Amino acid sequence: QNAARHLRNKSTRSYLKTKIKRFETALAAGEDAAATDAYRVVARELDRAASKGVIHRNKAANKKSRLARRLAANR
């Protein structure tokens, strides 16, 4: 059970990193619409990971807050 959950959690964390990188890439390219869409996806996935217990809910909230601030600053 532990090994299976470890692999599932690892996969989810890797997926989250990919989504965050996609957001950061859109932000760096100056694509406002793409960055906004990417932020929505990231926020949803962070909440989903927190609800499944992959990451702590406060970590998800902090990450969303930081990404939202960066999105707002780039507009």
PDB file of N, CA and C in Angstrom:
ATOM      1  N   GLN A   1       0.831  -1.206   0.000  1.00  0.00           N
ATOM      2  CA  GLN A   1       0.000   0.000   0.000  1.00  0.00           C
ATOM      3  C   GLN A   1       0.857   1.244   0.000  1.00  0.00           C
ATOM      4  N   ASN A   2       1.875   1.231   0.853  1.00  0.00           N
ATOM      5  CA  ASN A   2       2.740   2.393   0.975  1.00  0.00           C
ATOM      6  C   ASN A   2       3.444   2.687  -0.349  1.00  0.00           C
ATOM      7  N   ALA A   3       3.949   1.645  -0.990  1.00  0.00           N
ATOM      8  CA  ALA A   3       4.665   1.823  -2.255  1.00  0.00           C
ATOM      9  C   ALA A   3       3.727   2.353  -3.347  1.00  0.00           C
ATOM     10  N   ALA A   4       2.525   1.817  -3.380  1.00  0.00           N
ATOM     11  CA  ALA A   4       1.551   2.248  -4.391  1.00  0.00           C
ATOM     12  C   ALA A   4       1.167   3.708  -4.185  1.00  0.00           C
ATOM     13  N   ARG A   5       0.927   4.068  -2.939  1.00  0.00           N
ATOM     14  CA  ARG A   5       0.554   5.460  -2.639  1.00  0.00           C
ATOM     15  C   ARG A   5       1.718   6.411  -2.915  1.00  0.00           C
ATOM     16  N   HIS A   6       2.930   5.950  -2.593  1.00  0.00           N
ATOM     17  CA  HIS A   6       4.119   6.770  -2.846  1.00  0.00           C
ATOM     18  C   HIS A   6       4.232   7.095  -4.339  1.00  0.00           C
ATOM     19  N   LEU A   7       4.044   6.078  -5.181  1.00  0.00           N
ATOM     20  CA  LEU A   7       4.126   6.288  -6.629  1.00  0.00           C
ATOM     21  C   LEU A   7       3.016   7.221  -7.114  1.00  0.00           C
ATOM     22  N   ARG A   8       1.825   7.042  -6.583  1.00  0.00           N
ATOM     23  CA  ARG A   8       0.702   7.884  -6.996  1.00  0.00           C
ATOM     24  C   ARG A   8       0.945   9.331  -6.572  1.00  0.00           C
ATOM     25  N   ASN A   9       1.422   9.528  -5.340  1.00  0.00           N
ATOM     26  CA  ASN A   9       1.705  10.882  -4.855  1.00  0.00           C
ATOM     27  C   ASN A   9       2.839  11.524  -5.647  1.00  0.00           C
ATOM     28  N   LYS A  10       3.852  10.745  -5.957  1.00  0.00           N
ATOM     29  CA  LYS A  10       4.993  11.250  -6.721  1.00  0.00           C
ATOM     30  C   LYS A  10       4.537  11.697  -8.107  1.00  0.00           C
ATOM     31  N   SER A  11       3.693  10.908  -8.710  1.00  0.00           N
ATOM     32  CA  SER A  11       3.153  11.231 -10.028  1.00  0.00           C
ATOM     33  C   SER A  11       2.349  12.525  -9.978  1.00  0.00           C
ATOM     34  N   THR A  12       1.531  12.674  -8.957  1.00  0.00           N
ATOM     35  CA  THR A  12       0.703  13.873  -8.813  1.00  0.00           C
ATOM     36  C   THR A  12       1.565  15.108  -8.594  1.00  0.00           C
ATOM     37  N   ARG A  13       2.603  14.990  -7.764  1.00  0.00           N
ATOM     38  CA  ARG A  13       3.497  16.129  -7.523  1.00  0.00           C
ATOM     39  C   ARG A  13       4.228  16.536  -8.800  1.00  0.00           C
ATOM     40  N   SER A  14       4.641  15.558  -9.583  1.00  0.00           N
ATOM     41  CA  SER A  14       5.314  15.833 -10.845  1.00  0.00           C
ATOM     42  C   SER A  14       4.359  16.545 -11.809  1.00  0.00           C
ATOM     43  N   TYR A  15       3.114  16.091 -11.855  1.00  0.00           N
ATOM     44  CA  TYR A  15       2.079  16.696 -12.694  1.00  0.00           C
ATOM     45  C   TYR A  15       1.850  18.156 -12.290  1.00  0.00           C
ATOM     46  N   LEU A  16       1.826  18.402 -10.983  1.00  0.00           N
ATOM     47  CA  LEU A  16       1.651  19.771 -10.485  1.00  0.00           C
ATOM     48  C   LEU A  16       2.804  20.671 -10.937  1.00  0.00           C
ATOM     49  N   LYS A  17       4.024  20.152 -10.825  1.00  0.00           N
ATOM     50  CA  LYS A  17       5.192  20.932 -11.241  1.00  0.00           C
ATOM     51  C   LYS A  17       5.102  21.297 -12.715  1.00  0.00           C
ATOM     52  N   THR A  18       4.646  20.356 -13.537  1.00  0.00           N
ATOM     53  CA  THR A  18       4.501  20.601 -14.967  1.00  0.00           C
ATOM     54  C   THR A  18       3.488  21.709 -15.225  1.00  0.00           C
ATOM     55  N   LYS A  19       2.361  21.651 -14.526  1.00  0.00           N
ATOM     56  CA  LYS A  19       1.323  22.670 -14.707  1.00  0.00           C
ATOM     57  C   LYS A  19       1.823  24.046 -14.263  1.00  0.00           C
ATOM     58  N   ILE A  20       2.588  24.078 -13.171  1.00  0.00           N
ATOM     59  CA  ILE A  20       3.140  25.349 -12.682  1.00  0.00           C
ATOM     60  C   ILE A  20       4.144  25.906 -13.687  1.00  0.00           C
ATOM     61  N   LYS A  21       4.975  25.028 -14.266  1.00  0.00           N
ATOM     62  CA  LYS A  21       5.933  25.469 -15.280  1.00  0.00           C
ATOM     63  C   LYS A  21       5.208  26.026 -16.498  1.00  0.00           C
ATOM     64  N   ARG A  22       4.114  25.410 -16.873  1.00  0.00           N
ATOM     65  CA  ARG A  22       3.332  25.888 -18.018  1.00  0.00           C
ATOM     66  C   ARG A  22       2.806  27.301 -17.736  1.00  0.00           C
ATOM     67  N   PHE A  23       2.350  27.526 -16.499  1.00  0.00           N
ATOM     68  CA  PHE A  23       1.886  28.855 -16.091  1.00  0.00           C
ATOM     69  C   PHE A  23       3.032  29.857 -16.159  1.00  0.00           C
ATOM     70  N   GLU A  24       4.194  29.488 -15.617  1.00  0.00           N
ATOM     71  CA  GLU A  24       5.339  30.392 -15.587  1.00  0.00           C
ATOM     72  C   GLU A  24       5.844  30.719 -16.989  1.00  0.00           C
ATOM     73  N   THR A  25       5.782  29.745 -17.877  1.00  0.00           N
ATOM     74  CA  THR A  25       6.194  29.969 -19.259  1.00  0.00           C
ATOM     75  C   THR A  25       5.275  30.973 -19.937  1.00  0.00           C
ATOM     76  N   ALA A  26       3.981  30.820 -19.753  1.00  0.00           N
ATOM     77  CA  ALA A  26       3.016  31.756 -20.340  1.00  0.00           C
ATOM     78  C   ALA A  26       3.198  33.153 -19.763  1.00  0.00           C
ATOM     79  N   LEU A  27       3.492  33.218 -18.481  1.00  0.00           N
ATOM     80  CA  LEU A  27       3.700  34.505 -17.810  1.00  0.00           C
ATOM     81  C   LEU A  27       4.950  35.197 -18.362  1.00  0.00           C
ATOM     82  N   ALA A  28       6.017  34.431 -18.515  1.00  0.00           N
ATOM     83  CA  ALA A  28       7.273  34.991 -19.015  1.00  0.00           C
ATOM     84  C   ALA A  28       7.147  35.451 -20.464  1.00  0.00           C
ATOM     85  N   ALA A  29       6.313  34.765 -21.236  1.00  0.00           N
ATOM     86  CA  ALA A  29       6.123  35.120 -22.648  1.00  0.00           C
ATOM     87  C   ALA A  29       5.210  36.329 -22.801  1.00  0.00           C
ATOM     88  N   GLY A  30       4.568  36.737 -21.716  1.00  0.00           N
ATOM     89  CA  GLY A  30       3.681  37.894 -21.770  1.00  0.00           C
ATOM     90  C   GLY A  30       2.315  37.590 -22.335  1.00  0.00           C
ATOM     91  N   GLU A  31       1.934  36.334 -22.339  1.00  0.00           N
ATOM     92  CA  GLU A  31       0.620  35.927 -22.853  1.00  0.00           C
ATOM     93  C   GLU A  31      -0.380  35.941 -21.700  1.00  0.00           C
ATOM     94  N   ASP A  32      -1.094  37.055 -21.563  1.00  0.00           N
ATOM     95  CA  ASP A  32      -2.011  37.227 -20.435  1.00  0.00           C
ATOM     96  C   ASP A  32      -3.125  36.191 -20.410  1.00  0.00           C
ATOM     97  N   ALA A  33      -3.757  35.972 -21.555  1.00  0.00           N
ATOM     98  CA  ALA A  33      -4.885  35.031 -21.612  1.00  0.00           C
ATOM     99  C   ALA A  33      -4.428  33.614 -21.280  1.00  0.00           C
ATOM    100  N   ALA A  34      -3.311  33.211 -21.867  1.00  0.00           N
ATOM    101  CA  ALA A  34      -2.788  31.861 -21.620  1.00  0.00           C
ATOM    102  C   ALA A  34      -2.372  31.704 -20.157  1.00  0.00           C
ATOM    103  N   ALA A  35      -1.769  32.755 -19.587  1.00  0.00           N
ATOM    104  CA  ALA A  35      -1.342  32.695 -18.187  1.00  0.00           C
ATOM    105  C   ALA A  35      -2.550  32.592 -17.263  1.00  0.00           C
ATOM    106  N   THR A  36      -3.607  33.337 -17.578  1.00  0.00           N
ATOM    107  CA  THR A  36      -4.828  33.286 -16.763  1.00  0.00           C
ATOM    108  C   THR A  36      -5.447  31.898 -16.815  1.00  0.00           C
ATOM    109  N   ASP A  37      -5.523  31.331 -18.018  1.00  0.00           N
ATOM    110  CA  ASP A  37      -6.067  29.971 -18.156  1.00  0.00           C
ATOM    111  C   ASP A  37      -5.201  28.960 -17.411  1.00  0.00           C
ATOM    112  N   ALA A  38      -3.882  29.113 -17.546  1.00  0.00           N
ATOM    113  CA  ALA A  38      -2.965  28.196 -16.876  1.00  0.00           C
ATOM    114  C   ALA A  38      -3.096  28.321 -15.361  1.00  0.00           C
ATOM    115  N   TYR A  39      -3.304  29.552 -14.868  1.00  0.00           N
ATOM    116  CA  TYR A  39      -3.471  29.743 -13.421  1.00  0.00           C
ATOM    117  C   TYR A  39      -4.718  29.015 -12.923  1.00  0.00           C
ATOM    118  N   ARG A  40      -5.806  29.125 -13.688  1.00  0.00           N
ATOM    119  CA  ARG A  40      -7.042  28.431 -13.290  1.00  0.00           C
ATOM    120  C   ARG A  40      -6.807  26.931 -13.164  1.00  0.00           C
ATOM    121  N   VAL A  41      -6.088  26.368 -14.124  1.00  0.00           N
ATOM    122  CA  VAL A  41      -5.797  24.931 -14.107  1.00  0.00           C
ATOM    123  C   VAL A  41      -4.943  24.591 -12.890  1.00  0.00           C
ATOM    124  N   VAL A  42      -3.896  25.383 -12.656  1.00  0.00           N
ATOM    125  CA  VAL A  42      -2.994  25.132 -11.527  1.00  0.00           C
ATOM    126  C   VAL A  42      -3.754  25.203 -10.203  1.00  0.00           C
ATOM    127  N   ALA A  43      -4.600  26.223 -10.052  1.00  0.00           N
ATOM    128  CA  ALA A  43      -5.356  26.381  -8.804  1.00  0.00           C
ATOM    129  C   ALA A  43      -6.263  25.176  -8.567  1.00  0.00           C
ATOM    130  N   ARG A  44      -6.925  24.733  -9.615  1.00  0.00           N
ATOM    131  CA  ARG A  44      -7.822  23.575  -9.498  1.00  0.00           C
ATOM    132  C   ARG A  44      -7.031  22.333  -9.106  1.00  0.00           C
ATOM    133  N   GLU A  45      -5.878  22.132  -9.759  1.00  0.00           N
ATOM    134  CA  GLU A  45      -5.077  20.940  -9.483  1.00  0.00           C
ATOM    135  C   GLU A  45      -4.451  20.974  -8.093  1.00  0.00           C
ATOM    136  N   LEU A  46      -4.050  22.153  -7.640  1.00  0.00           N
ATOM    137  CA  LEU A  46      -3.519  22.267  -6.278  1.00  0.00           C
ATOM    138  C   LEU A  46      -4.596  21.915  -5.257  1.00  0.00           C
ATOM    139  N   ASP A  47      -5.816  22.408  -5.482  1.00  0.00           N
ATOM    140  CA  ASP A  47      -6.921  22.073  -4.578  1.00  0.00           C
ATOM    141  C   ASP A  47      -7.206  20.584  -4.586  1.00  0.00           C
ATOM    142  N   ARG A  48      -7.163  19.992  -5.775  1.00  0.00           N
ATOM    143  CA  ARG A  48      -7.430  18.559  -5.892  1.00  0.00           C
ATOM    144  C   ARG A  48      -6.355  17.759  -5.146  1.00  0.00           C
ATOM    145  N   ALA A  49      -5.096  18.148  -5.316  1.00  0.00           N
ATOM    146  CA  ALA A  49      -4.002  17.441  -4.634  1.00  0.00           C
ATOM    147  C   ALA A  49      -4.120  17.591  -3.124  1.00  0.00           C
ATOM    148  N   ALA A  50      -4.532  18.776  -2.672  1.00  0.00           N
ATOM    149  CA  ALA A  50      -4.696  19.006  -1.234  1.00  0.00           C
ATOM    150  C   ALA A  50      -5.840  18.161  -0.680  1.00  0.00           C
ATOM    151  N   SER A  51      -6.924  18.051  -1.434  1.00  0.00           N
ATOM    152  CA  SER A  51      -8.070  17.277  -0.953  1.00  0.00           C
ATOM    153  C   SER A  51      -7.745  15.787  -0.884  1.00  0.00           C
ATOM    154  N   LYS A  52      -6.830  15.332  -1.757  1.00  0.00           N
ATOM    155  CA  LYS A  52      -6.432  13.922  -1.750  1.00  0.00           C
ATOM    156  C   LYS A  52      -5.345  13.641  -0.717  1.00  0.00           C
ATOM    157  N   GLY A  53      -4.779  14.710  -0.128  1.00  0.00           N
ATOM    158  CA  GLY A  53      -3.756  14.520   0.881  1.00  0.00           C
ATOM    159  C   GLY A  53      -2.353  14.408   0.315  1.00  0.00           C
ATOM    160  N   VAL A  54      -2.189  14.720  -0.976  1.00  0.00           N
ATOM    161  CA  VAL A  54      -0.861  14.644  -1.584  1.00  0.00           C
ATOM    162  C   VAL A  54       0.015  15.773  -1.056  1.00  0.00           C
ATOM    163  N   ILE A  55      -0.568  16.974  -0.936  1.00  0.00           N
ATOM    164  CA  ILE A  55       0.124  18.109  -0.333  1.00  0.00           C
ATOM    165  C   ILE A  55      -0.781  18.680   0.750  1.00  0.00           C
ATOM    166  N   HIS A  56      -0.192  19.409   1.671  1.00  0.00           N
ATOM    167  CA  HIS A  56      -0.974  20.012   2.753  1.00  0.00           C
ATOM    168  C   HIS A  56      -1.835  21.140   2.198  1.00  0.00           C
ATOM    169  N   ARG A  57      -3.003  21.336   2.773  1.00  0.00           N
ATOM    170  CA  ARG A  57      -3.919  22.358   2.247  1.00  0.00           C
ATOM    171  C   ARG A  57      -3.341  23.762   2.370  1.00  0.00           C
ATOM    172  N   ASN A  58      -2.531  24.013   3.415  1.00  0.00           N
ATOM    173  CA  ASN A  58      -1.905  25.324   3.548  1.00  0.00           C
ATOM    174  C   ASN A  58      -0.847  25.546   2.475  1.00  0.00           C
ATOM    175  N   LYS A  59      -0.145  24.485   2.109  1.00  0.00           N
ATOM    176  CA  LYS A  59       0.852  24.603   1.038  1.00  0.00           C
ATOM    177  C   LYS A  59       0.159  24.955  -0.270  1.00  0.00           C
ATOM    178  N   ALA A  60      -0.977  24.323  -0.525  1.00  0.00           N
ATOM    179  CA  ALA A  60      -1.734  24.622  -1.740  1.00  0.00           C
ATOM    180  C   ALA A  60      -2.203  26.073  -1.729  1.00  0.00           C
ATOM    181  N   ALA A  61      -2.686  26.542  -0.593  1.00  0.00           N
ATOM    182  CA  ALA A  61      -3.178  27.912  -0.477  1.00  0.00           C
ATOM    183  C   ALA A  61      -2.030  28.911  -0.670  1.00  0.00           C
ATOM    184  N   ASN A  62      -0.881  28.629  -0.061  1.00  0.00           N
ATOM    185  CA  ASN A  62       0.277  29.518  -0.204  1.00  0.00           C
ATOM    186  C   ASN A  62       0.749  29.581  -1.652  1.00  0.00           C
ATOM    187  N   LYS A  63       0.786  28.436  -2.301  1.00  0.00           N
ATOM    188  CA  LYS A  63       1.243  28.368  -3.687  1.00  0.00           C
ATOM    189  C   LYS A  63       0.288  29.148  -4.598  1.00  0.00           C
ATOM    190  N   LYS A  64      -1.011  28.964  -4.394  1.00  0.00           N
ATOM    191  CA  LYS A  64      -2.010  29.682  -5.197  1.00  0.00           C
ATOM    192  C   LYS A  64      -1.885  31.181  -4.986  1.00  0.00           C
ATOM    193  N   SER A  65      -1.671  31.586  -3.748  1.00  0.00           N
ATOM    194  CA  SER A  65      -1.551  33.001  -3.426  1.00  0.00           C
ATOM    195  C   SER A  65      -0.346  33.620  -4.130  1.00  0.00           C
ATOM    196  N   ARG A  66       0.783  32.934  -4.070  1.00  0.00           N
ATOM    197  CA  ARG A  66       2.002  33.458  -4.707  1.00  0.00           C
ATOM    198  C   ARG A  66       1.849  33.549  -6.218  1.00  0.00           C
ATOM    199  N   LEU A  67       1.248  32.523  -6.801  1.00  0.00           N
ATOM    200  CA  LEU A  67       1.066  32.526  -8.260  1.00  0.00           C
ATOM    201  C   LEU A  67       0.085  33.620  -8.672  1.00  0.00           C
ATOM    202  N   ALA A  68      -0.965  33.819  -7.879  1.00  0.00           N
ATOM    203  CA  ALA A  68      -1.952  34.860  -8.177  1.00  0.00           C
ATOM    204  C   ALA A  68      -1.317  36.233  -8.095  1.00  0.00           C
ATOM    205  N   ARG A  69      -0.446  36.443  -7.108  1.00  0.00           N
ATOM    206  CA  ARG A  69       0.239  37.731  -6.982  1.00  0.00           C
ATOM    207  C   ARG A  69       1.136  37.990  -8.183  1.00  0.00           C
ATOM    208  N   ARG A  70       1.824  36.945  -8.660  1.00  0.00           N
ATOM    209  CA  ARG A  70       2.684  37.107  -9.826  1.00  0.00           C
ATOM    210  C   ARG A  70       1.861  37.398 -11.069  1.00  0.00           C
ATOM    211  N   LEU A  71       0.708  36.746 -11.178  1.00  0.00           N
ATOM    212  CA  LEU A  71      -0.180  36.997 -12.317  1.00  0.00           C
ATOM    213  C   LEU A  71      -0.672  38.442 -12.303  1.00  0.00           C
ATOM    214  N   ALA A  72      -1.089  38.913 -11.154  1.00  0.00           N
ATOM    215  CA  ALA A  72      -1.596  40.290 -11.029  1.00  0.00           C
ATOM    216  C   ALA A  72      -0.499  41.313 -11.294  1.00  0.00           C
ATOM    217  N   ALA A  73       0.726  41.020 -10.890  1.00  0.00           N
ATOM    218  CA  ALA A  73       1.838  41.952 -11.069  1.00  0.00           C
ATOM    219  C   ALA A  73       2.231  42.081 -12.533  1.00  0.00           C
ATOM    220  N   ASN A  74       2.009  41.033 -13.312  1.00  0.00           N
ATOM    221  CA  ASN A  74       2.397  41.038 -14.720  1.00  0.00           C
ATOM    222  C   ASN A  74       1.350  41.644 -15.642  1.00  0.00           C
ATOM    223  N   ARG A  75       0.212  42.028 -15.112  1.00  0.00           N
ATOM    224  CA  ARG A  75      -0.832  42.576 -15.964  1.00  0.00           C
ATOM    225  C   ARG A  75      -0.641  44.026 -16.207  1.00  0.00           C
TER     226      ARG A  75
END
